[in-house]
N, C-alpha and C. Protein backbone atom coordinates (compact mmCIF):
# COMPACT_ATOMS: atom_id res chain seq x y z
N MET A 1 -19.67 -16.31 -0.80
CA MET A 1 -18.36 -16.86 -0.57
C MET A 1 -17.78 -16.23 0.69
N VAL A 2 -17.24 -17.08 1.53
CA VAL A 2 -16.63 -16.61 2.77
C VAL A 2 -15.12 -16.47 2.56
N ARG A 3 -14.61 -15.34 2.92
CA ARG A 3 -13.18 -15.08 2.77
C ARG A 3 -12.46 -15.60 4.01
N THR A 4 -11.36 -16.31 3.80
CA THR A 4 -10.60 -16.82 4.93
C THR A 4 -9.91 -15.65 5.64
N PRO A 5 -9.80 -15.76 6.94
CA PRO A 5 -9.14 -14.67 7.69
C PRO A 5 -7.68 -14.53 7.27
N LEU A 6 -7.20 -13.31 7.34
CA LEU A 6 -5.80 -13.05 7.00
C LEU A 6 -4.90 -13.54 8.13
N THR A 7 -3.73 -13.97 7.75
CA THR A 7 -2.75 -14.42 8.73
C THR A 7 -2.06 -13.20 9.35
N PRO A 8 -1.41 -13.38 10.49
CA PRO A 8 -0.65 -12.27 11.07
C PRO A 8 0.42 -11.75 10.10
N GLU A 9 1.02 -12.64 9.33
CA GLU A 9 2.03 -12.22 8.36
C GLU A 9 1.43 -11.33 7.28
N GLU A 10 0.22 -11.66 6.84
CA GLU A 10 -0.45 -10.83 5.82
C GLU A 10 -0.79 -9.46 6.38
N HIS A 11 -1.22 -9.41 7.64
CA HIS A 11 -1.49 -8.11 8.27
C HIS A 11 -0.20 -7.29 8.38
N GLU A 12 0.88 -7.95 8.78
CA GLU A 12 2.16 -7.26 8.91
C GLU A 12 2.64 -6.73 7.56
N ARG A 13 2.49 -7.52 6.50
CA ARG A 13 2.88 -7.08 5.16
C ARG A 13 2.07 -5.85 4.75
N GLY A 14 0.78 -5.85 5.05
CA GLY A 14 -0.05 -4.69 4.76
C GLY A 14 0.38 -3.46 5.52
N GLU A 15 0.80 -3.64 6.76
CA GLU A 15 1.28 -2.51 7.55
C GLU A 15 2.59 -1.96 6.98
N ARG A 16 3.48 -2.86 6.52
CA ARG A 16 4.74 -2.41 5.90
C ARG A 16 4.44 -1.62 4.62
N LEU A 17 3.50 -2.11 3.82
CA LEU A 17 3.11 -1.41 2.60
C LEU A 17 2.58 -0.02 2.95
N GLY A 18 1.71 0.06 3.93
CA GLY A 18 1.15 1.35 4.34
C GLY A 18 2.21 2.33 4.78
N ARG A 19 3.17 1.86 5.58
CA ARG A 19 4.26 2.73 6.04
C ARG A 19 5.09 3.24 4.87
N LEU A 20 5.40 2.34 3.94
CA LEU A 20 6.20 2.74 2.77
C LEU A 20 5.47 3.80 1.95
N LEU A 21 4.20 3.60 1.70
CA LEU A 21 3.43 4.58 0.92
C LEU A 21 3.34 5.91 1.65
N ARG A 22 3.12 5.87 2.95
CA ARG A 22 3.03 7.09 3.74
C ARG A 22 4.35 7.85 3.71
N GLU A 23 5.46 7.13 3.87
CA GLU A 23 6.78 7.77 3.82
C GLU A 23 7.05 8.36 2.44
N ALA A 24 6.71 7.62 1.39
CA ALA A 24 6.94 8.10 0.02
C ALA A 24 6.07 9.30 -0.31
N ARG A 25 4.90 9.37 0.30
CA ARG A 25 3.98 10.50 0.05
C ARG A 25 4.55 11.78 0.62
N GLY A 26 5.30 11.69 1.71
CA GLY A 26 5.92 12.87 2.30
C GLY A 26 4.93 13.96 2.63
N ASP A 27 5.17 15.15 2.10
CA ASP A 27 4.31 16.31 2.37
C ASP A 27 3.10 16.39 1.44
N ARG A 28 3.04 15.53 0.44
CA ARG A 28 1.89 15.57 -0.48
C ARG A 28 0.64 15.10 0.25
N SER A 29 -0.48 15.67 -0.10
CA SER A 29 -1.72 15.29 0.56
C SER A 29 -2.23 13.94 0.03
N MET A 30 -3.04 13.28 0.84
CA MET A 30 -3.67 12.03 0.40
C MET A 30 -4.51 12.26 -0.84
N VAL A 31 -5.23 13.36 -0.84
CA VAL A 31 -6.11 13.67 -1.97
C VAL A 31 -5.29 13.81 -3.25
N GLU A 32 -4.18 14.51 -3.18
CA GLU A 32 -3.33 14.72 -4.35
C GLU A 32 -2.78 13.39 -4.89
N VAL A 33 -2.24 12.56 -4.00
CA VAL A 33 -1.67 11.28 -4.42
C VAL A 33 -2.74 10.35 -4.93
N ALA A 34 -3.86 10.27 -4.23
CA ALA A 34 -4.95 9.40 -4.64
C ALA A 34 -5.48 9.80 -6.02
N ALA A 35 -5.65 11.10 -6.24
CA ALA A 35 -6.14 11.57 -7.54
C ALA A 35 -5.15 11.23 -8.64
N ALA A 36 -3.86 11.38 -8.38
CA ALA A 36 -2.84 11.06 -9.38
C ALA A 36 -2.86 9.58 -9.72
N ALA A 37 -3.21 8.74 -8.73
CA ALA A 37 -3.24 7.30 -8.94
C ALA A 37 -4.59 6.81 -9.46
N GLY A 38 -5.59 7.67 -9.42
CA GLY A 38 -6.92 7.27 -9.89
C GLY A 38 -7.69 6.43 -8.88
N VAL A 39 -7.40 6.63 -7.59
CA VAL A 39 -8.13 5.94 -6.53
C VAL A 39 -8.70 6.98 -5.58
N SER A 40 -9.58 6.55 -4.71
CA SER A 40 -10.15 7.50 -3.76
C SER A 40 -9.19 7.74 -2.61
N ALA A 41 -9.32 8.90 -1.99
CA ALA A 41 -8.50 9.22 -0.82
C ALA A 41 -8.80 8.22 0.30
N GLU A 42 -10.03 7.76 0.39
CA GLU A 42 -10.39 6.78 1.42
C GLU A 42 -9.68 5.46 1.19
N THR A 43 -9.54 5.05 -0.07
CA THR A 43 -8.78 3.83 -0.37
C THR A 43 -7.34 3.98 0.07
N LEU A 44 -6.72 5.10 -0.26
CA LEU A 44 -5.34 5.35 0.15
C LEU A 44 -5.24 5.37 1.67
N ARG A 45 -6.18 6.00 2.33
CA ARG A 45 -6.17 6.07 3.80
C ARG A 45 -6.23 4.66 4.40
N LYS A 46 -7.09 3.81 3.85
CA LYS A 46 -7.22 2.44 4.36
C LYS A 46 -5.93 1.65 4.16
N ILE A 47 -5.29 1.84 3.01
CA ILE A 47 -4.04 1.12 2.75
C ILE A 47 -2.94 1.63 3.67
N GLU A 48 -2.82 2.94 3.81
CA GLU A 48 -1.77 3.52 4.64
C GLU A 48 -1.92 3.14 6.11
N THR A 49 -3.14 2.97 6.57
CA THR A 49 -3.36 2.64 7.99
C THR A 49 -3.42 1.14 8.24
N GLY A 50 -3.31 0.34 7.20
CA GLY A 50 -3.35 -1.11 7.37
C GLY A 50 -4.74 -1.69 7.44
N ARG A 51 -5.77 -0.87 7.26
CA ARG A 51 -7.15 -1.37 7.29
C ARG A 51 -7.51 -2.12 6.03
N ALA A 52 -6.71 -1.95 4.98
CA ALA A 52 -6.86 -2.71 3.73
C ALA A 52 -5.51 -3.36 3.46
N PRO A 53 -5.20 -4.45 4.18
CA PRO A 53 -3.86 -5.04 4.09
C PRO A 53 -3.56 -5.79 2.80
N THR A 54 -4.59 -6.06 2.00
CA THR A 54 -4.35 -6.79 0.74
C THR A 54 -5.02 -6.06 -0.42
N PRO A 55 -4.55 -4.86 -0.74
CA PRO A 55 -5.16 -4.10 -1.83
C PRO A 55 -4.89 -4.77 -3.18
N ALA A 56 -5.70 -4.44 -4.15
CA ALA A 56 -5.56 -5.00 -5.50
C ALA A 56 -4.22 -4.58 -6.11
N PHE A 57 -3.66 -5.47 -6.90
CA PHE A 57 -2.36 -5.23 -7.53
C PHE A 57 -2.35 -3.92 -8.30
N PHE A 58 -3.37 -3.68 -9.13
CA PHE A 58 -3.36 -2.48 -9.96
C PHE A 58 -3.53 -1.20 -9.13
N THR A 59 -4.15 -1.30 -7.99
CA THR A 59 -4.23 -0.15 -7.07
C THR A 59 -2.84 0.16 -6.54
N VAL A 60 -2.13 -0.87 -6.10
CA VAL A 60 -0.78 -0.69 -5.58
C VAL A 60 0.14 -0.16 -6.68
N ALA A 61 0.03 -0.72 -7.88
CA ALA A 61 0.87 -0.28 -9.00
C ALA A 61 0.61 1.19 -9.32
N ALA A 62 -0.64 1.61 -9.33
CA ALA A 62 -0.97 3.01 -9.63
C ALA A 62 -0.43 3.94 -8.54
N LEU A 63 -0.56 3.53 -7.29
CA LEU A 63 -0.02 4.35 -6.20
C LEU A 63 1.50 4.43 -6.27
N ALA A 64 2.14 3.31 -6.54
CA ALA A 64 3.60 3.31 -6.67
C ALA A 64 4.04 4.25 -7.77
N ARG A 65 3.37 4.19 -8.89
CA ARG A 65 3.73 5.06 -10.02
C ARG A 65 3.56 6.54 -9.65
N SER A 66 2.45 6.86 -8.99
CA SER A 66 2.21 8.26 -8.65
C SER A 66 3.21 8.76 -7.59
N LEU A 67 3.81 7.84 -6.84
CA LEU A 67 4.78 8.21 -5.82
C LEU A 67 6.22 8.05 -6.28
N GLY A 68 6.41 7.57 -7.51
CA GLY A 68 7.76 7.39 -8.03
C GLY A 68 8.49 6.20 -7.43
N LEU A 69 7.73 5.21 -6.96
CA LEU A 69 8.32 4.00 -6.40
C LEU A 69 8.33 2.90 -7.46
N SER A 70 9.43 2.18 -7.55
CA SER A 70 9.45 1.04 -8.46
C SER A 70 8.77 -0.15 -7.78
N MET A 71 8.24 -1.04 -8.58
CA MET A 71 7.62 -2.24 -8.03
C MET A 71 8.66 -3.12 -7.35
N ASP A 72 9.91 -3.06 -7.82
CA ASP A 72 10.98 -3.83 -7.17
C ASP A 72 11.20 -3.34 -5.74
N VAL A 73 11.26 -2.04 -5.56
CA VAL A 73 11.44 -1.47 -4.22
C VAL A 73 10.24 -1.83 -3.34
N LEU A 74 9.06 -1.70 -3.89
CA LEU A 74 7.85 -2.02 -3.15
C LEU A 74 7.85 -3.48 -2.72
N ALA A 75 8.16 -4.38 -3.63
CA ALA A 75 8.16 -5.81 -3.30
C ALA A 75 9.23 -6.13 -2.27
N ALA A 76 10.40 -5.54 -2.42
CA ALA A 76 11.49 -5.80 -1.47
C ALA A 76 11.12 -5.32 -0.07
N HIS A 77 10.46 -4.19 -0.01
CA HIS A 77 10.10 -3.61 1.28
C HIS A 77 8.99 -4.41 1.97
N CYS A 78 8.12 -5.00 1.19
CA CYS A 78 6.95 -5.67 1.76
C CYS A 78 7.11 -7.18 1.91
N THR A 79 8.21 -7.71 1.40
CA THR A 79 8.47 -9.14 1.55
C THR A 79 9.17 -9.37 2.87
N PRO A 80 8.73 -10.36 3.63
CA PRO A 80 9.36 -10.58 4.93
C PRO A 80 10.84 -10.97 4.79
N MET A 81 11.60 -10.52 5.73
CA MET A 81 13.02 -10.87 5.77
C MET A 81 13.15 -12.31 6.21
N THR A 82 13.98 -13.07 5.54
CA THR A 82 14.23 -14.44 5.94
C THR A 82 15.63 -14.56 6.48
N VAL A 83 15.78 -15.38 7.50
CA VAL A 83 17.08 -15.54 8.15
C VAL A 83 17.63 -16.91 7.82
């Protein structure tokens, strides 16, 4: 199966997600946050840098929980602003 290329908007949403997670992580190490979420540090690194712009829902939910972020805040931050 061939995956369709991501749109620029999808890439931008992934970058916003990565920035939010990086900011929420603060001084905590990637290894610490990833372990608390039950994902690899490499997965977290890819999400934070935008190299994985469409991570699985349960991965995002686990990271949000380990960082003390609500899904509402996460969704609001990653949804494009409409004018």
